[in-house]
């Protein structure tokens, strides 16, 4: 089995709000819970950083200090004993690689920034946005059942395409999309639901 887990809001705090607070830039503090159009959200974030003359290195000084939620590393370790763990997130590699290492060094599928000659953000390559279901399809093609854990509408595609969706402290619209999906309010509850998915997979003869 493959466990596809969201990063920010599930395993660790949101990075962009931390940046917004540190640099006192409200547009950086916005997340997909505030603005559903991710392209527009990122354009506003990039424009905000450029208005202040912030380089990627400035941003990384704050982003790399973000720590996982208590128990998140152990949570992933226990899932790893049941199957493969991948982190699929709309975050950016340049921000989140150190955070993923703190979580145990699992595979990260994320986006990339585009920089100008001064090291400032000038664009972004959305390698994950709109591609999550294709990643799941790839796992299915290799014979792996997939369970996914997500909290917001940006996780909608992966939750729809996986075999066992689990909602984590979901926004109301996400709950409405998956009225029958189990809901976890903490990582202990999430582990119970994801372990149940593994048991069902084993019962159906799908080996992780």
Protein backbone atom coordinates (compact mmCIF):
# COMPACT_ATOMS: atom_id res chain seq x y z
CA UNK A 1 0.00 0.00 0.00
CA UNK A 2 1.03 3.60 -0.63
CA UNK A 3 0.11 6.32 1.87
CA UNK A 4 -0.17 9.73 0.20
CA UNK A 5 -0.03 12.36 2.93
CA UNK A 6 -0.45 16.13 2.76
CA UNK A 7 2.22 18.21 4.49
CA UNK A 8 1.10 21.63 5.65
CA UNK A 9 -1.81 21.64 8.08
CA UNK A 10 -1.47 17.89 8.62
CA UNK A 11 2.15 17.13 9.48
CA UNK A 12 3.41 20.66 10.10
CA UNK A 13 2.19 24.27 10.36
CA UNK A 14 1.49 26.22 7.18
CA UNK A 15 4.71 27.85 5.93
CA UNK A 16 3.27 30.85 4.10
CA UNK A 17 1.42 32.28 7.14
CA UNK A 18 4.70 32.03 9.06
CA UNK A 19 6.34 34.08 6.31
CA UNK A 20 3.48 36.57 6.30
CA UNK A 21 3.76 37.07 10.05
CA UNK A 22 7.55 37.36 10.05
CA UNK A 23 7.74 39.87 7.18
CA UNK A 24 4.40 41.59 7.98
CA UNK A 25 3.04 40.90 4.49
CA UNK A 26 -0.67 39.94 4.58
CA UNK A 27 -0.61 38.49 1.05
CA UNK A 28 1.96 35.93 2.16
CA UNK A 29 -0.30 34.81 4.99
CA UNK A 30 -3.10 33.78 2.60
CA UNK A 31 -3.57 30.04 2.00
CA UNK A 32 -5.82 27.86 -0.16
CA UNK A 33 -8.37 28.09 2.64
CA UNK A 34 -8.61 31.83 1.87
CA UNK A 35 -8.22 31.84 -1.91
CA UNK A 36 -9.15 28.79 -3.95
CA UNK A 37 -7.43 29.90 -7.19
CA UNK A 38 -3.88 28.65 -6.59
CA UNK A 39 -2.39 30.49 -9.58
CA UNK A 40 -3.79 33.79 -8.34
CA UNK A 41 -2.67 32.98 -4.80
CA UNK A 42 0.90 32.35 -5.98
CA UNK A 43 0.98 35.47 -8.14
CA UNK A 44 0.02 37.53 -5.09
CA UNK A 45 2.67 35.81 -2.99
CA UNK A 46 5.39 36.39 -5.59
CA UNK A 47 4.38 40.03 -6.03
CA UNK A 48 4.43 40.55 -2.25
CA UNK A 49 7.96 39.19 -1.91
CA UNK A 50 9.20 41.34 -4.80
CA UNK A 51 7.58 44.46 -3.36
CA UNK A 52 9.77 44.04 -0.29
CA UNK A 53 12.88 42.94 -2.19
CA UNK A 54 12.94 39.54 -0.50
CA UNK A 55 15.14 36.83 -1.98
CA UNK A 56 14.55 33.11 -1.74
CA UNK A 57 17.33 32.98 0.85
CA UNK A 58 15.43 35.48 3.03
CA UNK A 59 12.30 33.35 2.80
CA UNK A 60 14.16 30.12 3.46
CA UNK A 61 15.57 31.53 6.68
CA UNK A 62 12.01 31.48 8.05
CA UNK A 63 10.64 28.45 6.17
CA UNK A 64 13.47 26.16 7.20
CA UNK A 65 12.84 26.93 10.88
CA UNK A 66 9.32 25.44 10.75
CA UNK A 67 9.08 22.32 12.91
CA UNK A 68 6.75 19.33 12.42
CA UNK A 69 3.75 18.89 14.68
CA UNK A 70 4.39 16.85 17.78
CA UNK A 71 4.08 13.16 16.95
CA UNK A 72 4.17 13.65 13.16
CA UNK A 73 7.47 11.84 12.64
CA UNK A 74 6.32 8.86 14.70
CA UNK A 75 3.00 8.87 12.82
CA UNK A 76 4.81 8.52 9.48
CA UNK A 77 7.16 5.92 10.91
CA UNK A 78 4.25 3.75 11.96
CA UNK A 79 2.66 4.08 8.53
CA UNK A 80 5.99 3.14 6.96
CA UNK A 81 5.83 -0.18 8.80
CA UNK A 82 2.65 -0.92 6.82
CA UNK A 83 3.58 0.37 3.38
CA UNK A 84 5.22 3.14 1.37
CA UNK A 85 4.88 6.76 2.51
CA UNK A 86 4.94 9.70 0.10
CA UNK A 87 4.27 13.34 0.88
CA UNK A 88 2.29 15.02 -1.92
CA UNK A 89 1.84 18.73 -1.32
CA UNK A 90 1.32 22.09 -3.02
CA UNK A 91 4.31 23.35 -1.08
CA UNK A 92 7.69 24.08 -2.70
CA UNK A 93 10.81 21.94 -2.54
CA UNK A 94 12.93 24.98 -1.72
CA UNK A 95 10.89 25.55 1.44
CA UNK A 96 10.02 22.07 2.59
CA UNK A 97 12.97 19.73 2.00
CA UNK A 98 14.47 20.40 5.48
CA UNK A 99 11.04 19.90 7.05
CA UNK A 100 10.63 16.55 5.28
CA UNK A 101 14.05 15.49 6.58
CA UNK A 102 12.87 16.31 10.11
CA UNK A 103 9.91 14.00 9.43
CA UNK A 104 12.16 11.09 8.49
CA UNK A 105 13.20 11.82 4.92
CA UNK A 106 10.19 10.47 3.02
CA UNK A 107 9.69 11.12 -0.70
CA UNK A 108 8.31 14.59 -1.43
CA UNK A 109 6.27 15.51 -4.50
CA UNK A 110 6.06 19.32 -4.60
CA UNK A 111 6.47 22.41 -6.79
CA UNK A 112 9.50 24.53 -7.71
CA UNK A 113 10.18 28.28 -7.79
CA UNK A 114 11.60 30.26 -10.70
CA UNK A 115 14.17 32.89 -9.68
CA UNK A 116 15.61 36.01 -11.29
CA UNK A 117 19.28 36.91 -11.39
CA UNK A 118 19.07 38.44 -7.91
CA UNK A 119 17.62 35.30 -6.34
CA UNK A 120 14.13 36.77 -5.99
CA UNK A 121 10.98 34.86 -6.89
CA UNK A 122 9.72 35.68 -10.37
CA UNK A 123 7.53 32.66 -11.04
CA UNK A 124 6.78 29.06 -10.19
CA UNK A 125 6.49 25.64 -11.80
CA UNK A 126 3.38 23.87 -10.56
CA UNK A 127 4.51 20.28 -10.85
CA UNK A 128 1.86 19.08 -8.39
CA UNK A 129 -1.16 21.30 -8.97
CA UNK A 130 -3.55 19.31 -11.15
CA UNK A 131 -1.20 16.33 -11.22
CA UNK A 132 -2.06 14.59 -7.97
CA UNK A 133 -4.52 12.20 -9.57
CA UNK A 134 -1.87 11.28 -12.17
CA UNK A 135 0.56 10.42 -9.40
CA UNK A 136 -2.06 8.18 -7.80
CA UNK A 137 -2.81 6.66 -11.20
CA UNK A 138 0.87 5.80 -11.51
CA UNK A 139 0.84 3.99 -8.18
CA UNK A 140 -2.29 2.12 -9.25
CA UNK A 141 -0.60 1.17 -12.51
CA UNK A 142 2.26 -0.33 -10.49
CA UNK A 143 -0.22 -2.42 -8.51
CA UNK A 144 -0.32 -0.37 -5.29
CA UNK A 145 -3.58 0.50 -3.53
CA UNK A 146 -3.51 4.09 -2.24
CA UNK A 147 -4.83 5.68 0.93
CA UNK A 148 -4.68 9.49 1.19
CA UNK A 149 -4.92 12.01 4.00
CA UNK A 150 -5.80 15.64 3.29
CA UNK A 151 -7.39 18.66 4.92
CA UNK A 152 -8.37 21.21 2.26
CA UNK A 153 -9.85 21.66 -1.20
CA UNK A 154 -6.39 21.53 -2.77
CA UNK A 155 -6.38 17.85 -1.76
CA UNK A 156 -9.65 17.17 -3.58
CA UNK A 157 -8.17 15.45 -6.63
CA UNK A 158 -5.97 13.04 -4.72
CA UNK A 159 -8.77 12.16 -2.31
CA UNK A 160 -11.09 11.46 -5.23
CA UNK A 161 -8.59 9.29 -7.08
CA UNK A 162 -7.32 7.20 -4.16
CA UNK A 163 -8.87 3.99 -2.80
CA UNK A 164 -9.24 5.14 0.82
CA UNK A 165 -9.70 8.88 1.45
CA UNK A 166 -9.31 10.12 5.02
CA UNK A 167 -10.16 13.73 5.91
CA UNK A 168 -8.01 15.56 8.44
CA UNK A 169 -9.72 18.44 10.25
CA UNK A 170 -11.36 19.22 6.88
CA UNK A 171 -12.86 22.47 5.72
CA UNK A 172 -16.63 22.15 5.44
CA UNK A 173 -16.71 22.04 1.63
CA UNK A 174 -14.31 19.09 1.65
CA UNK A 175 -16.49 17.27 4.17
CA UNK A 176 -19.46 17.84 1.87
CA UNK A 177 -17.53 16.32 -1.06
CA UNK A 178 -16.83 13.14 0.95
CA UNK A 179 -19.80 12.63 3.27
CA UNK A 180 -18.90 8.96 3.87
CA UNK A 181 -15.14 9.37 4.33
CA UNK A 182 -13.74 8.97 7.85
CA UNK A 183 -12.70 12.18 9.59
CA UNK A 184 -9.66 12.46 11.86
CA UNK A 185 -9.19 15.30 14.32
CA UNK A 186 -5.64 14.35 15.30
CA UNK A 187 -2.84 12.11 14.05
CA UNK A 188 -3.78 9.27 16.40
CA UNK A 189 -7.24 9.12 14.84
CA UNK A 190 -5.73 9.37 11.37
CA UNK A 191 -3.48 6.41 12.14
CA UNK A 192 -6.50 4.34 13.19
CA UNK A 193 -8.31 5.06 9.92
CA UNK A 194 -5.24 4.49 7.74
CA UNK A 195 -4.44 1.24 9.55
CA UNK A 196 -8.01 0.11 8.90
CA UNK A 197 -7.42 0.81 5.20
CA UNK A 198 -4.32 -1.40 5.31
CA UNK A 199 -6.28 -4.20 6.98
CA UNK A 200 -8.98 -3.99 4.33
CA UNK A 201 -6.34 -4.00 1.61
CA UNK A 202 -4.73 -7.09 3.10
CA UNK A 203 -8.09 -8.81 3.39
CA UNK A 204 -8.73 -8.10 -0.28
CA UNK A 205 -5.40 -9.65 -1.17
CA UNK A 206 -3.51 -6.44 -2.05
CA UNK A 207 -0.04 -6.65 -0.61
CA UNK A 208 1.85 -3.47 0.24
